[in-house]
N, C-alpha and C. Protein backbone atom coordinates (compact mmCIF):
# COMPACT_ATOMS: atom_id res chain seq x y z
N MET A 1 22.19 -23.90 -4.99
CA MET A 1 23.15 -23.84 -6.08
C MET A 1 22.98 -25.11 -6.90
N SER A 2 22.91 -24.92 -8.20
CA SER A 2 22.70 -26.08 -9.10
C SER A 2 24.00 -26.86 -9.26
N ALA A 3 23.85 -28.10 -9.65
CA ALA A 3 25.03 -28.96 -9.86
C ALA A 3 25.91 -28.42 -10.94
N SER A 4 25.32 -27.82 -11.99
CA SER A 4 26.15 -27.30 -13.09
C SER A 4 26.99 -26.10 -12.62
N VAL A 5 26.40 -25.23 -11.80
CA VAL A 5 27.16 -24.09 -11.28
C VAL A 5 28.31 -24.59 -10.37
N LEU A 6 27.99 -25.55 -9.52
CA LEU A 6 29.01 -26.12 -8.64
C LEU A 6 30.11 -26.78 -9.46
N SER A 7 29.73 -27.51 -10.49
CA SER A 7 30.69 -28.16 -11.36
C SER A 7 31.64 -27.14 -11.99
N GLN A 8 31.09 -26.04 -12.50
CA GLN A 8 31.90 -24.98 -13.12
C GLN A 8 32.82 -24.35 -12.10
N MET A 9 32.35 -24.15 -10.89
CA MET A 9 33.19 -23.57 -9.86
C MET A 9 34.35 -24.49 -9.50
N LEU A 10 34.09 -25.77 -9.45
CA LEU A 10 35.16 -26.71 -9.09
C LEU A 10 36.16 -26.86 -10.25
N LYS A 11 35.70 -26.75 -11.49
CA LYS A 11 36.58 -26.83 -12.65
C LYS A 11 37.44 -25.55 -12.77
N ASN A 12 36.87 -24.42 -12.42
CA ASN A 12 37.55 -23.14 -12.56
C ASN A 12 37.51 -22.37 -11.25
N PRO A 13 38.28 -22.83 -10.26
CA PRO A 13 38.22 -22.14 -8.96
C PRO A 13 38.76 -20.71 -9.05
N LEU A 14 38.22 -19.86 -8.24
CA LEU A 14 38.68 -18.47 -8.19
C LEU A 14 40.02 -18.38 -7.50
N THR A 15 40.87 -17.52 -8.02
CA THR A 15 42.13 -17.25 -7.36
C THR A 15 41.89 -16.10 -6.38
N VAL A 16 42.84 -15.88 -5.51
CA VAL A 16 42.77 -14.75 -4.59
C VAL A 16 42.72 -13.47 -5.41
N GLU A 17 43.56 -13.38 -6.44
CA GLU A 17 43.60 -12.17 -7.26
C GLU A 17 42.28 -11.90 -7.97
N SER A 18 41.68 -12.97 -8.54
CA SER A 18 40.41 -12.74 -9.25
C SER A 18 39.31 -12.42 -8.27
N SER A 19 39.35 -12.98 -7.09
CA SER A 19 38.36 -12.66 -6.06
C SER A 19 38.47 -11.19 -5.64
N ILE A 20 39.69 -10.70 -5.50
CA ILE A 20 39.90 -9.29 -5.14
C ILE A 20 39.36 -8.39 -6.24
N GLU A 21 39.62 -8.73 -7.50
CA GLU A 21 39.12 -7.95 -8.61
C GLU A 21 37.61 -7.92 -8.67
N ILE A 22 36.97 -9.05 -8.39
CA ILE A 22 35.52 -9.10 -8.36
C ILE A 22 34.97 -8.19 -7.26
N MET A 23 35.61 -8.19 -6.10
CA MET A 23 35.19 -7.33 -5.00
C MET A 23 35.39 -5.86 -5.33
N LYS A 24 36.55 -5.53 -5.94
CA LYS A 24 36.82 -4.15 -6.29
C LYS A 24 35.81 -3.67 -7.31
N ASP A 25 35.47 -4.50 -8.29
CA ASP A 25 34.51 -4.14 -9.30
C ASP A 25 33.13 -3.92 -8.67
N GLY A 26 32.77 -4.80 -7.73
CA GLY A 26 31.48 -4.66 -7.04
C GLY A 26 31.39 -3.36 -6.27
N LEU A 27 32.47 -3.00 -5.59
CA LEU A 27 32.48 -1.73 -4.83
C LEU A 27 32.48 -0.53 -5.78
N LYS A 28 33.23 -0.62 -6.86
CA LYS A 28 33.29 0.48 -7.82
C LYS A 28 31.91 0.73 -8.47
N ASN A 29 31.17 -0.33 -8.71
CA ASN A 29 29.86 -0.23 -9.37
C ASN A 29 28.69 -0.37 -8.41
N ARG A 30 28.95 -0.15 -7.14
CA ARG A 30 27.92 -0.38 -6.11
C ARG A 30 26.62 0.40 -6.36
N GLU A 31 26.73 1.68 -6.66
CA GLU A 31 25.49 2.45 -6.88
C GLU A 31 24.77 1.98 -8.12
N LEU A 32 25.50 1.70 -9.19
CA LEU A 32 24.84 1.20 -10.41
C LEU A 32 24.16 -0.14 -10.16
N ASN A 33 24.83 -1.03 -9.40
CA ASN A 33 24.24 -2.30 -9.04
C ASN A 33 22.98 -2.10 -8.18
N PHE A 34 23.05 -1.15 -7.27
CA PHE A 34 21.89 -0.85 -6.43
C PHE A 34 20.73 -0.35 -7.28
N PHE A 35 20.99 0.55 -8.22
CA PHE A 35 19.93 1.09 -9.08
C PHE A 35 19.30 -0.03 -9.93
N ALA A 36 20.14 -0.93 -10.44
CA ALA A 36 19.62 -2.04 -11.24
C ALA A 36 18.73 -2.95 -10.41
N MET A 37 19.14 -3.25 -9.18
CA MET A 37 18.33 -4.08 -8.29
C MET A 37 17.06 -3.33 -7.87
N LEU A 38 17.17 -2.05 -7.58
CA LEU A 38 16.02 -1.24 -7.21
C LEU A 38 14.95 -1.26 -8.30
N GLU A 39 15.40 -1.09 -9.54
CA GLU A 39 14.44 -1.07 -10.65
C GLU A 39 13.83 -2.45 -10.88
N LYS A 40 14.68 -3.46 -11.00
CA LYS A 40 14.21 -4.81 -11.36
C LYS A 40 13.42 -5.49 -10.23
N CYS A 41 13.98 -5.48 -9.02
CA CYS A 41 13.41 -6.27 -7.95
C CYS A 41 12.32 -5.52 -7.15
N ILE A 42 12.34 -4.19 -7.20
CA ILE A 42 11.37 -3.45 -6.40
C ILE A 42 10.35 -2.71 -7.28
N PHE A 43 10.81 -1.79 -8.09
CA PHE A 43 9.85 -0.95 -8.83
C PHE A 43 9.15 -1.70 -9.96
N LYS A 44 9.75 -2.73 -10.51
CA LYS A 44 9.09 -3.51 -11.54
C LYS A 44 8.43 -4.78 -10.96
N ASN A 45 8.38 -4.85 -9.65
CA ASN A 45 7.76 -6.01 -8.98
C ASN A 45 6.65 -5.48 -8.08
N PRO A 46 5.41 -5.49 -8.55
CA PRO A 46 4.32 -4.94 -7.73
C PRO A 46 4.10 -5.69 -6.42
N ARG A 47 4.61 -6.89 -6.28
CA ARG A 47 4.45 -7.66 -5.03
C ARG A 47 5.55 -7.37 -4.02
N SER A 48 6.52 -6.56 -4.40
CA SER A 48 7.62 -6.27 -3.47
C SER A 48 7.11 -5.46 -2.25
N PRO A 49 7.41 -5.95 -1.04
CA PRO A 49 7.01 -5.17 0.14
C PRO A 49 7.67 -3.78 0.14
N TYR A 50 8.87 -3.68 -0.38
CA TYR A 50 9.55 -2.40 -0.42
C TYR A 50 8.84 -1.43 -1.38
N LYS A 51 8.25 -1.94 -2.43
CA LYS A 51 7.51 -1.11 -3.38
C LYS A 51 6.33 -0.46 -2.65
N ALA A 52 5.62 -1.23 -1.87
CA ALA A 52 4.48 -0.70 -1.12
C ALA A 52 4.93 0.40 -0.15
N LEU A 53 6.05 0.16 0.53
CA LEU A 53 6.53 1.12 1.53
C LEU A 53 7.09 2.38 0.84
N LEU A 54 7.78 2.20 -0.28
CA LEU A 54 8.26 3.36 -1.02
C LEU A 54 7.09 4.17 -1.60
N ASP A 55 6.07 3.49 -2.10
CA ASP A 55 4.88 4.18 -2.61
C ASP A 55 4.23 4.98 -1.49
N LYS A 56 4.10 4.37 -0.32
CA LYS A 56 3.49 5.06 0.81
C LYS A 56 4.24 6.34 1.15
N GLY A 57 5.57 6.27 1.04
CA GLY A 57 6.38 7.45 1.34
C GLY A 57 6.49 8.46 0.19
N GLY A 58 5.85 8.13 -0.95
CA GLY A 58 5.89 9.02 -2.08
C GLY A 58 7.17 8.95 -2.90
N TYR A 59 7.89 7.85 -2.74
CA TYR A 59 9.16 7.70 -3.46
C TYR A 59 8.95 6.99 -4.81
N THR A 60 9.58 7.52 -5.81
CA THR A 60 9.63 6.88 -7.13
C THR A 60 11.06 6.42 -7.35
N PHE A 61 11.28 5.66 -8.42
CA PHE A 61 12.64 5.26 -8.76
C PHE A 61 13.52 6.49 -8.90
N ASN A 62 13.02 7.50 -9.62
CA ASN A 62 13.82 8.72 -9.83
C ASN A 62 14.14 9.46 -8.56
N SER A 63 13.19 9.51 -7.62
CA SER A 63 13.46 10.24 -6.38
C SER A 63 14.47 9.48 -5.49
N VAL A 64 14.41 8.15 -5.51
CA VAL A 64 15.43 7.38 -4.76
C VAL A 64 16.78 7.55 -5.41
N GLU A 65 16.80 7.49 -6.73
CA GLU A 65 18.08 7.67 -7.46
C GLU A 65 18.69 9.04 -7.15
N ARG A 66 17.86 10.07 -7.14
CA ARG A 66 18.34 11.41 -6.84
C ARG A 66 18.85 11.49 -5.40
N LEU A 67 18.13 10.88 -4.47
CA LEU A 67 18.53 10.86 -3.06
C LEU A 67 19.92 10.23 -2.91
N VAL A 68 20.12 9.10 -3.59
CA VAL A 68 21.41 8.39 -3.51
C VAL A 68 22.52 9.26 -4.11
N LYS A 69 22.26 9.88 -5.25
CA LYS A 69 23.28 10.70 -5.90
C LYS A 69 23.62 11.94 -5.07
N GLU A 70 22.65 12.50 -4.37
CA GLU A 70 22.87 13.70 -3.58
C GLU A 70 23.51 13.43 -2.23
N THR A 71 23.19 12.30 -1.62
CA THR A 71 23.62 12.06 -0.25
C THR A 71 24.54 10.86 -0.08
N GLY A 72 24.67 10.02 -1.12
CA GLY A 72 25.43 8.77 -1.00
C GLY A 72 24.52 7.64 -0.62
N LEU A 73 24.94 6.43 -0.93
CA LEU A 73 24.10 5.26 -0.71
C LEU A 73 23.74 5.04 0.76
N GLU A 74 24.75 5.06 1.63
CA GLU A 74 24.46 4.80 3.06
C GLU A 74 23.50 5.82 3.62
N ASN A 75 23.73 7.11 3.36
CA ASN A 75 22.84 8.14 3.87
C ASN A 75 21.43 8.00 3.31
N ALA A 76 21.33 7.66 2.03
CA ALA A 76 20.00 7.47 1.44
C ALA A 76 19.28 6.30 2.09
N LEU A 77 19.99 5.20 2.34
CA LEU A 77 19.36 4.05 3.00
C LEU A 77 18.95 4.40 4.43
N GLU A 78 19.77 5.16 5.11
CA GLU A 78 19.40 5.61 6.47
C GLU A 78 18.17 6.47 6.44
N LYS A 79 18.06 7.36 5.47
CA LYS A 79 16.88 8.24 5.32
C LYS A 79 15.65 7.40 5.07
N LEU A 80 15.73 6.45 4.13
CA LEU A 80 14.60 5.61 3.81
C LEU A 80 14.16 4.81 5.02
N TYR A 81 15.13 4.25 5.76
CA TYR A 81 14.81 3.52 7.00
C TYR A 81 14.08 4.41 7.97
N SER A 82 14.57 5.65 8.13
CA SER A 82 13.97 6.57 9.11
C SER A 82 12.52 6.95 8.78
N VAL A 83 12.15 6.85 7.51
CA VAL A 83 10.78 7.16 7.12
C VAL A 83 9.92 5.91 6.97
N GLY A 84 10.46 4.74 7.39
CA GLY A 84 9.66 3.51 7.43
C GLY A 84 9.83 2.58 6.25
N VAL A 85 10.83 2.80 5.44
CA VAL A 85 11.06 1.90 4.31
C VAL A 85 12.06 0.79 4.76
N TYR A 86 11.51 -0.17 5.45
CA TYR A 86 12.26 -1.36 5.89
C TYR A 86 11.24 -2.44 6.17
N VAL A 87 11.72 -3.68 6.17
CA VAL A 87 10.85 -4.83 6.47
C VAL A 87 11.64 -5.73 7.43
N ASP A 88 11.09 -5.96 8.60
CA ASP A 88 11.79 -6.90 9.49
C ASP A 88 11.40 -8.34 9.13
N VAL A 89 12.10 -9.29 9.67
CA VAL A 89 11.92 -10.67 9.27
C VAL A 89 10.49 -11.18 9.58
N TYR A 90 9.89 -10.75 10.67
CA TYR A 90 8.53 -11.18 11.01
C TYR A 90 7.50 -10.58 10.05
N GLU A 91 7.74 -9.35 9.64
CA GLU A 91 6.85 -8.71 8.65
C GLU A 91 7.00 -9.42 7.31
N TYR A 92 8.23 -9.71 6.90
CA TYR A 92 8.48 -10.36 5.62
C TYR A 92 7.80 -11.74 5.57
N LYS A 93 7.87 -12.46 6.66
CA LYS A 93 7.30 -13.81 6.68
C LYS A 93 5.79 -13.82 6.92
N GLY A 94 5.21 -12.61 7.10
CA GLY A 94 3.75 -12.50 7.30
C GLY A 94 3.32 -12.85 8.70
N LYS A 95 4.24 -12.91 9.64
CA LYS A 95 3.91 -13.27 11.03
C LYS A 95 3.38 -12.07 11.82
N LYS A 96 3.63 -10.85 11.30
CA LYS A 96 3.04 -9.66 11.90
C LYS A 96 2.89 -8.61 10.80
N ASN A 97 1.96 -7.71 11.02
CA ASN A 97 1.76 -6.63 10.06
C ASN A 97 2.88 -5.60 10.21
N ALA A 98 3.20 -4.97 9.09
CA ALA A 98 4.15 -3.86 9.10
C ALA A 98 3.31 -2.61 9.30
N VAL A 99 3.48 -1.94 10.42
CA VAL A 99 2.72 -0.72 10.70
C VAL A 99 3.66 0.46 10.55
N ARG A 100 3.28 1.36 9.63
CA ARG A 100 4.06 2.57 9.38
C ARG A 100 3.09 3.73 9.48
N GLY A 101 3.22 4.50 10.56
CA GLY A 101 2.26 5.58 10.79
C GLY A 101 0.90 4.98 11.03
N GLU A 102 -0.09 5.46 10.31
CA GLU A 102 -1.46 4.96 10.44
C GLU A 102 -1.77 3.85 9.45
N LYS A 103 -0.80 3.51 8.62
CA LYS A 103 -1.01 2.51 7.56
C LYS A 103 -0.43 1.17 8.01
N SER A 104 -1.14 0.10 7.69
CA SER A 104 -0.72 -1.25 8.03
C SER A 104 -0.60 -2.08 6.75
N PHE A 105 0.46 -2.87 6.66
CA PHE A 105 0.70 -3.73 5.49
C PHE A 105 0.82 -5.15 5.96
N HIS A 106 0.32 -6.08 5.14
CA HIS A 106 0.53 -7.51 5.44
C HIS A 106 1.26 -8.10 4.23
N PHE A 107 2.45 -8.61 4.48
CA PHE A 107 3.27 -9.19 3.42
C PHE A 107 3.29 -10.69 3.58
N LYS A 108 3.54 -11.39 2.46
CA LYS A 108 3.69 -12.83 2.47
C LYS A 108 5.07 -13.19 1.91
N GLU A 109 5.72 -14.11 2.54
CA GLU A 109 7.07 -14.52 2.11
C GLU A 109 7.10 -14.95 0.65
N SER A 110 6.04 -15.55 0.16
CA SER A 110 6.01 -16.00 -1.22
C SER A 110 6.05 -14.85 -2.19
């Protein structure tokens, strides 16, 4: 956290009420926030380990979006996990290969 962000937080501390509103807004917009992150951090990032795993499974942004809309976010994430779209900490750090079926991936933390 930068000094300027910390300075602003100390000058304008959150109240309990504003914190609750922030959380309610986050929950209300959860799927939209997920789609924004999915697009920006995964599908527009060719180095994303999740992009490689989604590609292997034949998933596009549109197919993940459809899955979430049809089944809900938790069920969609469970489905993706069950078909190998996950990265454990050792895979993420490049300490072991991610093996999904007959395909092996090597990711780097950077």
